[in-house]
C-alpha atoms as a PDB file:
ATOM      1  CA  UNK A   1      54.517  78.859  56.654  1.00  0.00           C
ATOM      2  CA  UNK A   2      57.474  81.218  57.119  1.00  0.00           C
ATOM      3  CA  UNK A   3      56.493  84.889  57.151  1.00  0.00           C
ATOM      4  CA  UNK A   4      58.916  87.662  56.237  1.00  0.00           C
ATOM      5  CA  UNK A   5      58.621  91.109  57.770  1.00  0.00           C
ATOM      6  CA  UNK A   6      59.480  93.806  55.232  1.00  0.00           C
ATOM      7  CA  UNK A   7      59.747  97.478  56.063  1.00  0.00           C
ATOM      8  CA  UNK A   8      57.665  99.873  53.985  1.00  0.00           C
ATOM      9  CA  UNK A   9      60.622 101.469  52.181  1.00  0.00           C
ATOM     10  CA  UNK A  10      62.870  98.410  52.137  1.00  0.00           C
ATOM     11  CA  UNK A  11      62.907  98.335  48.352  1.00  0.00           C
ATOM     12  CA  UNK A  12      65.656  95.756  48.159  1.00  0.00           C
ATOM     13  CA  UNK A  13      63.455  93.237  49.981  1.00  0.00           C
ATOM     14  CA  UNK A  14      60.275  94.296  48.184  1.00  0.00           C
ATOM     15  CA  UNK A  15      61.899  93.896  44.768  1.00  0.00           C
ATOM     16  CA  UNK A  16      62.832  90.298  45.554  1.00  0.00           C
ATOM     17  CA  UNK A  17      59.151  89.310  45.467  1.00  0.00           C
ATOM     18  CA  UNK A  18      57.519  89.477  42.008  1.00  0.00           C
ATOM     19  CA  UNK A  19      54.518  91.790  41.981  1.00  0.00           C
ATOM     20  CA  UNK A  20      54.876  92.942  45.596  1.00  0.00           C
ATOM     21  CA  UNK A  21      55.891  96.504  44.697  1.00  0.00           C
ATOM     22  CA  UNK A  22      52.878  96.847  42.406  1.00  0.00           C
ATOM     23  CA  UNK A  23      50.580  95.346  45.032  1.00  0.00           C
ATOM     24  CA  UNK A  24      51.719  97.830  47.687  1.00  0.00           C
ATOM     25  CA  UNK A  25      52.213 101.042  45.753  1.00  0.00           C
ATOM     26  CA  UNK A  26      50.069 100.618  42.650  1.00  0.00           C
ATOM     27  CA  UNK A  27      47.076  98.609  43.875  1.00  0.00           C
ATOM     28  CA  UNK A  28      46.814  99.538  47.561  1.00  0.00           C
ATOM     29  CA  UNK A  29      48.280 103.061  47.660  1.00  0.00           C
ATOM     30  CA  UNK A  30      47.168 104.090  44.153  1.00  0.00           C
ATOM     31  CA  UNK A  31      50.510 105.492  42.987  1.00  0.00           C
ATOM     32  CA  UNK A  32      49.793 107.622  39.914  1.00  0.00           C
ATOM     33  CA  UNK A  33      53.162 109.212  39.173  1.00  0.00           C
ATOM     34  CA  UNK A  34      54.370 107.124  36.203  1.00  0.00           C
ATOM     35  CA  UNK A  35      51.045 107.636  34.432  1.00  0.00           C
ATOM     36  CA  UNK A  36      50.838 111.357  35.220  1.00  0.00           C
ATOM     37  CA  UNK A  37      54.401 111.929  34.028  1.00  0.00           C
ATOM     38  CA  UNK A  38      53.700 110.021  30.823  1.00  0.00           C
ATOM     39  CA  UNK A  39      50.687 112.239  30.093  1.00  0.00           C
ATOM     40  CA  UNK A  40      52.737 115.362  30.756  1.00  0.00           C
ATOM     41  CA  UNK A  41      55.457 114.149  28.390  1.00  0.00           C
ATOM     42  CA  UNK A  42      52.907 113.375  25.687  1.00  0.00           C
ATOM     43  CA  UNK A  43      51.474 116.873  25.964  1.00  0.00           C
ATOM     44  CA  UNK A  44      54.880 118.522  25.637  1.00  0.00           C
ATOM     45  CA  UNK A  45      56.015 116.232  22.830  1.00  0.00           C
ATOM     46  CA  UNK A  46      52.916 117.200  20.871  1.00  0.00           C
ATOM     47  CA  UNK A  47      53.187 120.913  21.652  1.00  0.00           C
ATOM     48  CA  UNK A  48      54.499 122.942  18.689  1.00  0.00           C
ATOM     49  CA  UNK A  49      57.401 125.276  19.474  1.00  0.00           C
ATOM     50  CA  UNK A  50      58.389 128.550  17.856  1.00  0.00           C
ATOM     51  CA  UNK A  51      61.524 128.299  15.748  1.00  0.00           C
ATOM     52  CA  UNK A  52      63.020 131.410  17.337  1.00  0.00           C
ATOM     53  CA  UNK A  53      62.986 129.795  20.780  1.00  0.00           C
ATOM     54  CA  UNK A  54      66.365 128.314  19.907  1.00  0.00           C
ATOM     55  CA  UNK A  55      65.566 124.650  20.434  1.00  0.00           C
ATOM     56  CA  UNK A  56      63.474 122.116  18.615  1.00  0.00           C
ATOM     57  CA  UNK A  57      62.711 118.428  18.353  1.00  0.00           C
ATOM     58  CA  UNK A  58      61.057 118.699  14.944  1.00  0.00           C
ATOM     59  CA  UNK A  59      60.466 115.018  14.204  1.00  0.00           C
ATOM     60  CA  UNK A  60      59.293 114.033  17.677  1.00  0.00           C
ATOM     61  CA  UNK A  61      56.114 116.020  18.076  1.00  0.00           C
ATOM     62  CA  UNK A  62      53.997 114.718  15.188  1.00  0.00           C
ATOM     63  CA  UNK A  63      55.342 111.171  15.479  1.00  0.00           C
ATOM     64  CA  UNK A  64      53.921 110.627  18.937  1.00  0.00           C
ATOM     65  CA  UNK A  65      50.467 110.526  17.382  1.00  0.00           C
ATOM     66  CA  UNK A  66      51.343 107.760  14.946  1.00  0.00           C
ATOM     67  CA  UNK A  67      53.281 105.583  17.366  1.00  0.00           C
ATOM     68  CA  UNK A  68      56.601 105.847  15.526  1.00  0.00           C
ATOM     69  CA  UNK A  69      59.810 105.422  17.597  1.00  0.00           C
ATOM     70  CA  UNK A  70      60.719 108.891  18.786  1.00  0.00           C
ATOM     71  CA  UNK A  71      63.192 109.148  21.662  1.00  0.00           C
ATOM     72  CA  UNK A  72      66.319 107.942  23.367  1.00  0.00           C
ATOM     73  CA  UNK A  73      65.457 108.081  27.045  1.00  0.00           C
ATOM     74  CA  UNK A  74      67.433 107.794  30.277  1.00  0.00           C
ATOM     75  CA  UNK A  75      65.378 106.673  33.281  1.00  0.00           C
ATOM     76  CA  UNK A  76      67.263 107.668  36.454  1.00  0.00           C
ATOM     77  CA  UNK A  77      66.173 105.986  39.686  1.00  0.00           C
ATOM     78  CA  UNK A  78      64.460 103.451  37.457  1.00  0.00           C
ATOM     79  CA  UNK A  79      63.406 101.041  40.191  1.00  0.00           C
ATOM     80  CA  UNK A  80      61.505  98.044  38.860  1.00  0.00           C
ATOM     81  CA  UNK A  81      60.721  99.708  35.555  1.00  0.00           C
ATOM     82  CA  UNK A  82      57.300 101.296  35.952  1.00  0.00           C
ATOM     83  CA  UNK A  83      58.363 104.536  34.246  1.00  0.00           C
ATOM     84  CA  UNK A  84      60.448 102.686  31.696  1.00  0.00           C
ATOM     85  CA  UNK A  85      57.316 100.781  30.747  1.00  0.00           C
ATOM     86  CA  UNK A  86      55.517 104.078  30.135  1.00  0.00           C
ATOM     87  CA  UNK A  87      58.392 105.277  27.946  1.00  0.00           C
ATOM     88  CA  UNK A  88      58.004 102.159  25.833  1.00  0.00           C
ATOM     89  CA  UNK A  89      54.318 102.993  25.452  1.00  0.00           C
ATOM     90  CA  UNK A  90      55.496 106.300  23.997  1.00  0.00           C
ATOM     91  CA  UNK A  91      57.429 104.188  21.471  1.00  0.00           C
ATOM     92  CA  UNK A  92      60.813 105.330  22.781  1.00  0.00           C
ATOM     93  CA  UNK A  93      63.456 103.875  20.497  1.00  0.00           C
ATOM     94  CA  UNK A  94      66.032 103.375  23.256  1.00  0.00           C
ATOM     95  CA  UNK A  95      65.479 103.235  27.017  1.00  0.00           C
ATOM     96  CA  UNK A  96      68.376 102.973  29.472  1.00  0.00           C
ATOM     97  CA  UNK A  97      67.698 102.560  33.189  1.00  0.00           C
ATOM     98  CA  UNK A  98      69.978 103.424  36.092  1.00  0.00           C
ATOM     99  CA  UNK A  99      69.482 102.707  39.791  1.00  0.00           C
ATOM    100  CA  UNK A 100      71.604 102.312  42.908  1.00  0.00           C
ATOM    101  CA  UNK A 101      70.115  98.923  43.806  1.00  0.00           C
ATOM    102  CA  UNK A 102      71.086  95.670  42.071  1.00  0.00           C
ATOM    103  CA  UNK A 103      67.725  94.305  43.262  1.00  0.00           C
ATOM    104  CA  UNK A 104      65.940  96.994  41.233  1.00  0.00           C
ATOM    105  CA  UNK A 105      67.696  95.867  38.065  1.00  0.00           C
ATOM    106  CA  UNK A 106      66.878  92.238  38.792  1.00  0.00           C
ATOM    107  CA  UNK A 107      63.207  93.111  39.347  1.00  0.00           C
ATOM    108  CA  UNK A 108      62.964  95.211  36.181  1.00  0.00           C
ATOM    109  CA  UNK A 109      64.539  92.531  33.999  1.00  0.00           C
ATOM    110  CA  UNK A 110      62.430  89.824  35.641  1.00  0.00           C
ATOM    111  CA  UNK A 111      59.054  91.588  35.675  1.00  0.00           C
ATOM    112  CA  UNK A 112      59.398  93.824  32.600  1.00  0.00           C
ATOM    113  CA  UNK A 113      61.665  92.030  30.147  1.00  0.00           C
ATOM    114  CA  UNK A 114      62.432  94.031  27.034  1.00  0.00           C
ATOM    115  CA  UNK A 115      61.634  97.429  28.549  1.00  0.00           C
ATOM    116  CA  UNK A 116      65.270  98.484  28.967  1.00  0.00           C
ATOM    117  CA  UNK A 117      67.964  98.194  26.330  1.00  0.00           C
ATOM    118  CA  UNK A 118      70.490  98.574  29.150  1.00  0.00           C
ATOM    119  CA  UNK A 119      70.051  98.784  32.909  1.00  0.00           C
ATOM    120  CA  UNK A 120      73.049 100.127  34.831  1.00  0.00           C
ATOM    121  CA  UNK A 121      73.581  99.771  38.565  1.00  0.00           C
ATOM    122  CA  UNK A 122      75.430 102.372  40.621  1.00  0.00           C
ATOM    123  CA  UNK A 123      75.849 106.085  41.225  1.00  0.00           C
ATOM    124  CA  UNK A 124      75.666 107.694  37.808  1.00  0.00           C
ATOM    125  CA  UNK A 125      78.477 110.115  38.668  1.00  0.00           C
ATOM    126  CA  UNK A 126      80.728 107.158  39.491  1.00  0.00           C
ATOM    127  CA  UNK A 127      79.689 105.336  36.331  1.00  0.00           C
ATOM    128  CA  UNK A 128      80.620 108.382  34.266  1.00  0.00           C
ATOM    129  CA  UNK A 129      83.818 109.400  36.026  1.00  0.00           C
ATOM    130  CA  UNK A 130      85.362 106.104  37.106  1.00  0.00           C
ATOM    131  CA  UNK A 131      89.009 105.828  36.091  1.00  0.00           C
ATOM    132  CA  UNK A 132      88.171 102.733  34.087  1.00  0.00           C
ATOM    133  CA  UNK A 133      89.861 100.178  36.285  1.00  0.00           C
ATOM    134  CA  UNK A 134      87.428  97.547  35.008  1.00  0.00           C
ATOM    135  CA  UNK A 135      86.035  96.874  31.575  1.00  0.00           C
ATOM    136  CA  UNK A 136      82.498  96.955  32.947  1.00  0.00           C
ATOM    137  CA  UNK A 137      82.876 100.506  34.177  1.00  0.00           C
ATOM    138  CA  UNK A 138      84.241 101.641  30.822  1.00  0.00           C
ATOM    139  CA  UNK A 139      81.371  99.923  29.028  1.00  0.00           C
ATOM    140  CA  UNK A 140      78.810 101.638  31.274  1.00  0.00           C
ATOM    141  CA  UNK A 141      80.415 105.042  30.702  1.00  0.00           C
ATOM    142  CA  UNK A 142      80.381 104.524  26.934  1.00  0.00           C
ATOM    143  CA  UNK A 143      76.766 103.384  27.080  1.00  0.00           C
ATOM    144  CA  UNK A 144      75.808 106.630  28.807  1.00  0.00           C
ATOM    145  CA  UNK A 145      78.012 109.044  26.868  1.00  0.00           C
ATOM    146  CA  UNK A 146      77.382 107.663  23.393  1.00  0.00           C
ATOM    147  CA  UNK A 147      73.620 107.203  23.616  1.00  0.00           C
ATOM    148  CA  UNK A 148      72.560 110.711  22.560  1.00  0.00           C
ATOM    149  CA  UNK A 149      69.641 110.868  24.982  1.00  0.00           C
ATOM    150  CA  UNK A 150      66.947 113.472  24.372  1.00  0.00           C
ATOM    151  CA  UNK A 151      64.654 112.607  27.285  1.00  0.00           C
ATOM    152  CA  UNK A 152      65.441 112.162  30.990  1.00  0.00           C
ATOM    153  CA  UNK A 153      62.884 110.836  33.454  1.00  0.00           C
ATOM    154  CA  UNK A 154      63.399 110.817  37.213  1.00  0.00           C
ATOM    155  CA  UNK A 155      60.133 109.813  38.843  1.00  0.00           C
ATOM    156  CA  UNK A 156      59.600 109.645  42.619  1.00  0.00           C
ATOM    157  CA  UNK A 157      63.350 109.647  43.059  1.00  0.00           C
ATOM    158  CA  UNK A 158      64.387 113.168  44.081  1.00  0.00           C
ATOM    159  CA  UNK A 159      64.394 115.037  47.362  1.00  0.00           C
ATOM    160  CA  UNK A 160      64.881 112.219  49.869  1.00  0.00           C
ATOM    161  CA  UNK A 161      68.641 111.686  50.096  1.00  0.00           C
ATOM    162  CA  UNK A 162      69.746 108.934  47.696  1.00  0.00           C
ATOM    163  CA  UNK A 163      70.069 110.774  44.371  1.00  0.00           C
ATOM    164  CA  UNK A 164      72.130 113.875  45.167  1.00  0.00           C
ATOM    165  CA  UNK A 165      72.155 117.014  43.096  1.00  0.00           C
ATOM    166  CA  UNK A 166      75.467 116.007  41.491  1.00  0.00           C
ATOM    167  CA  UNK A 167      73.877 112.812  40.156  1.00  0.00           C
ATOM    168  CA  UNK A 168      70.848 114.669  38.770  1.00  0.00           C
ATOM    169  CA  UNK A 169      73.142 117.244  37.154  1.00  0.00           C
ATOM    170  CA  UNK A 170      75.314 114.473  35.704  1.00  0.00           C
ATOM    171  CA  UNK A 171      72.249 112.820  34.178  1.00  0.00           C
ATOM    172  CA  UNK A 172      71.123 116.119  32.662  1.00  0.00           C
ATOM    173  CA  UNK A 173      74.599 116.577  31.165  1.00  0.00           C
ATOM    174  CA  UNK A 174      73.906 113.464  29.068  1.00  0.00           C
ATOM    175  CA  UNK A 175      70.766 114.967  27.519  1.00  0.00           C
ATOM    176  CA  UNK A 176      71.033 116.845  24.247  1.00  0.00           C
ATOM    177  CA  UNK A 177      70.230 120.555  24.287  1.00  0.00           C
ATOM    178  CA  UNK A 178      66.555 120.925  23.531  1.00  0.00           C
ATOM    179  CA  UNK A 179      65.805 117.603  25.193  1.00  0.00           C
ATOM    180  CA  UNK A 180      63.095 117.163  27.802  1.00  0.00           C
ATOM    181  CA  UNK A 181      63.618 116.566  31.526  1.00  0.00           C
ATOM    182  CA  UNK A 182      60.622 115.055  33.346  1.00  0.00           C
ATOM    183  CA  UNK A 183      60.699 114.718  37.134  1.00  0.00           C
ATOM    184  CA  UNK A 184      58.550 115.166  40.208  1.00  0.00           C
ATOM    185  CA  UNK A 185      58.976 116.568  43.708  1.00  0.00           C
ATOM    186  CA  UNK A 186      56.832 116.491  46.828  1.00  0.00           C
ATOM    187  CA  UNK A 187      54.656 119.600  46.975  1.00  0.00           C
ATOM    188  CA  UNK A 188      55.989 120.578  50.411  1.00  0.00           C
ATOM    189  CA  UNK A 189      59.496 121.012  49.002  1.00  0.00           C
ATOM    190  CA  UNK A 190      58.562 122.580  45.682  1.00  0.00           C
ATOM    191  CA  UNK A 191      56.652 125.836  45.386  1.00  0.00           C
ATOM    192  CA  UNK A 192      56.281 127.303  41.882  1.00  0.00           C
ATOM    193  CA  UNK A 193      57.117 130.986  41.580  1.00  0.00           C
ATOM    194  CA  UNK A 194      57.680 133.425  38.753  1.00  0.00           C
ATOM    195  CA  UNK A 195      60.987 131.752  37.909  1.00  0.00           C
ATOM    196  CA  UNK A 196      59.564 128.253  37.747  1.00  0.00           C
ATOM    197  CA  UNK A 197      60.342 126.801  41.180  1.00  0.00           C
ATOM    198  CA  UNK A 198      61.419 127.522  44.695  1.00  0.00           C
ATOM    199  CA  UNK A 199      61.999 125.811  48.019  1.00  0.00           C
ATOM    200  CA  UNK A 200      59.820 126.406  51.046  1.00  0.00           C
ATOM    201  CA  UNK A 201      62.671 127.303  53.389  1.00  0.00           C
ATOM    202  CA  UNK A 202      65.394 128.765  51.224  1.00  0.00           C
ATOM    203  CA  UNK A 203      67.237 125.451  51.104  1.00  0.00           C
ATOM    204  CA  UNK A 204      68.365 125.660  54.745  1.00  0.00           C
ATOM    205  CA  UNK A 205      66.024 123.023  56.148  1.00  0.00           C
ATOM    206  CA  UNK A 206      65.209 119.684  54.564  1.00  0.00           C
ATOM    207  CA  UNK A 207      67.465 118.319  51.879  1.00  0.00           C
ATOM    208  CA  UNK A 208      64.460 118.309  49.553  1.00  0.00           C
ATOM    209  CA  UNK A 209      63.949 122.041  49.906  1.00  0.00           C
ATOM    210  CA  UNK A 210      67.620 122.621  49.157  1.00  0.00           C
ATOM    211  CA  UNK A 211      67.209 120.505  46.050  1.00  0.00           C
ATOM    212  CA  UNK A 212      64.252 122.625  44.933  1.00  0.00           C
ATOM    213  CA  UNK A 213      66.299 125.783  45.453  1.00  0.00           C
ATOM    214  CA  UNK A 214      69.014 124.455  43.170  1.00  0.00           C
ATOM    215  CA  UNK A 215      66.430 123.705  40.493  1.00  0.00           C
ATOM    216  CA  UNK A 216      65.119 127.246  40.865  1.00  0.00           C
ATOM    217  CA  UNK A 217      68.610 128.668  40.459  1.00  0.00           C
ATOM    218  CA  UNK A 218      69.232 126.476  37.416  1.00  0.00           C
ATOM    219  CA  UNK A 219      66.064 127.916  35.880  1.00  0.00           C
ATOM    220  CA  UNK A 220      67.114 131.476  36.691  1.00  0.00           C
ATOM    221  CA  UNK A 221      70.558 130.768  35.257  1.00  0.00           C
ATOM    222  CA  UNK A 222      69.097 129.658  31.944  1.00  0.00           C
ATOM    223  CA  UNK A 223      70.164 126.007  32.199  1.00  0.00           C
ATOM    224  CA  UNK A 224      66.568 124.768  32.332  1.00  0.00           C
ATOM    225  CA  UNK A 225      63.226 126.192  31.258  1.00  0.00           C
ATOM    226  CA  UNK A 226      60.071 124.892  32.908  1.00  0.00           C
ATOM    227  CA  UNK A 227      57.524 123.999  30.231  1.00  0.00           C
ATOM    228  CA  UNK A 228      54.840 122.527  32.467  1.00  0.00           C
ATOM    229  CA  UNK A 229      54.198 121.881  36.140  1.00  0.00           C
ATOM    230  CA  UNK A 230      51.184 120.174  37.624  1.00  0.00           C
ATOM    231  CA  UNK A 231      50.196 119.387  41.205  1.00  0.00           C
ATOM    232  CA  UNK A 232      48.548 115.997  41.522  1.00  0.00           C
ATOM    233  CA  UNK A 233      47.872 113.191  43.991  1.00  0.00           C
ATOM    234  CA  UNK A 234      51.009 111.066  43.912  1.00  0.00           C
ATOM    235  CA  UNK A 235      49.565 108.287  46.077  1.00  0.00           C
ATOM    236  CA  UNK A 236      47.891 107.587  49.407  1.00  0.00           C
ATOM    237  CA  UNK A 237      49.811 107.358  52.655  1.00  0.00           C
ATOM    238  CA  UNK A 238      49.595 104.166  54.716  1.00  0.00           C
ATOM    239  CA  UNK A 239      46.843 105.886  56.725  1.00  0.00           C
ATOM    240  CA  UNK A 240      44.889 106.759  53.588  1.00  0.00           C
ATOM    241  CA  UNK A 241      45.812 110.448  53.409  1.00  0.00           C
ATOM    242  CA  UNK A 242      46.577 111.877  49.952  1.00  0.00           C
ATOM    243  CA  UNK A 243      50.204 112.776  49.227  1.00  0.00           C
ATOM    244  CA  UNK A 244      50.668 115.488  46.630  1.00  0.00           C
ATOM    245  CA  UNK A 245      53.568 116.035  44.249  1.00  0.00           C
ATOM    246  CA  UNK A 246      54.400 118.432  41.450  1.00  0.00           C
ATOM    247  CA  UNK A 247      55.095 116.882  38.083  1.00  0.00           C
ATOM    248  CA  UNK A 248      57.542 119.030  36.121  1.00  0.00           C
ATOM    249  CA  UNK A 249      58.652 118.951  32.497  1.00  0.00           C
ATOM    250  CA  UNK A 250      61.558 121.190  31.522  1.00  0.00           C
ATOM    251  CA  UNK A 251      63.644 121.728  28.425  1.00  0.00           C
ATOM    252  CA  UNK A 252      67.428 121.717  28.672  1.00  0.00           C
ATOM    253  CA  UNK A 253      69.291 124.789  27.461  1.00  0.00           C
ATOM    254  CA  UNK A 254      72.638 123.982  29.095  1.00  0.00           C
ATOM    255  CA  UNK A 255      74.389 121.751  31.586  1.00  0.00           C
ATOM    256  CA  UNK A 256      73.442 122.166  35.223  1.00  0.00           C
ATOM    257  CA  UNK A 257      75.686 123.863  37.794  1.00  0.00           C
ATOM    258  CA  UNK A 258      77.251 121.695  40.465  1.00  0.00           C
ATOM    259  CA  UNK A 259      76.368 122.117  44.152  1.00  0.00           C
ATOM    260  CA  UNK A 260      79.322 124.411  44.838  1.00  0.00           C
ATOM    261  CA  UNK A 261      78.099 126.767  42.127  1.00  0.00           C
ATOM    262  CA  UNK A 262      74.730 127.378  43.787  1.00  0.00           C
ATOM    263  CA  UNK A 263      73.553 128.411  47.212  1.00  0.00           C
ATOM    264  CA  UNK A 264      71.598 126.208  49.586  1.00  0.00           C
ATOM    265  CA  UNK A 265      72.795 122.860  48.175  1.00  0.00           C
ATOM    266  CA  UNK A 266      71.583 119.523  49.395  1.00  0.00           C
ATOM    267  CA  UNK A 267      71.095 115.980  48.252  1.00  0.00           C
ATOM    268  CA  UNK A 268      68.016 114.673  46.731  1.00  0.00           C
ATOM    269  CA  UNK A 269      66.738 110.957  46.115  1.00  0.00           C
ATOM    270  CA  UNK A 270      65.162 107.160  44.860  1.00  0.00           C
ATOM    271  CA  UNK A 271      62.903 104.638  43.834  1.00  0.00           C
ATOM    272  CA  UNK A 272      59.387 104.957  42.340  1.00  0.00           C
ATOM    273  CA  UNK A 273      57.516 105.640  45.619  1.00  0.00           C
END
């Protein structure tokens, strides 16, 4: 019998084996993030908003209770589709996934057929801003720009180096004003303050902390408003220690500033871990 050695975060290799990701992260390490983020979204979708707040999703909030299709969602850093599956449980009308790894797309379509209406592979900024040298690129750009998304999910995909701030900002630019942004960050790089968020070292240390600083500045600048944040056990480490994250749900008021427009910039990044 030929054995294959796979590194812990070698997602490309893990995705090639049906069920291996779930066995490692879901069964053994008790990853809770997709389920926690779904519950947070449900709570905010069902939460009535004052008309004078300047944004509303009037048909979405009551419909969640009756299981009627409610949203057009973009799942950034979609991996093998665990969060996309939760969005379908919310009766999302349209779900589009995007990930850097072709193997992630293959795994999602293989293991969770029907979850995604489209699953795009590549850097979302490149997909949006490519000159259109190939028909595929133009089709991907149209798919993203014409969808009219009102929910963005980015779960276990920010703060590690693969999804930079520019990509997160580009994804948010595709969400309608008043839409919801659901994401999570490791608790050591996200510290809630009176403005909604803040990094633990002013953005000058780890790339994750810099990412948190940019979120904080986006909140202060009025681009985002934090509706809910919740510290929870993301999963266990390989040694059995609990790893904690903050789940965050925000509403979009405007497009996000690029890295050069904020201080303490740094990349973020992927995959459902």
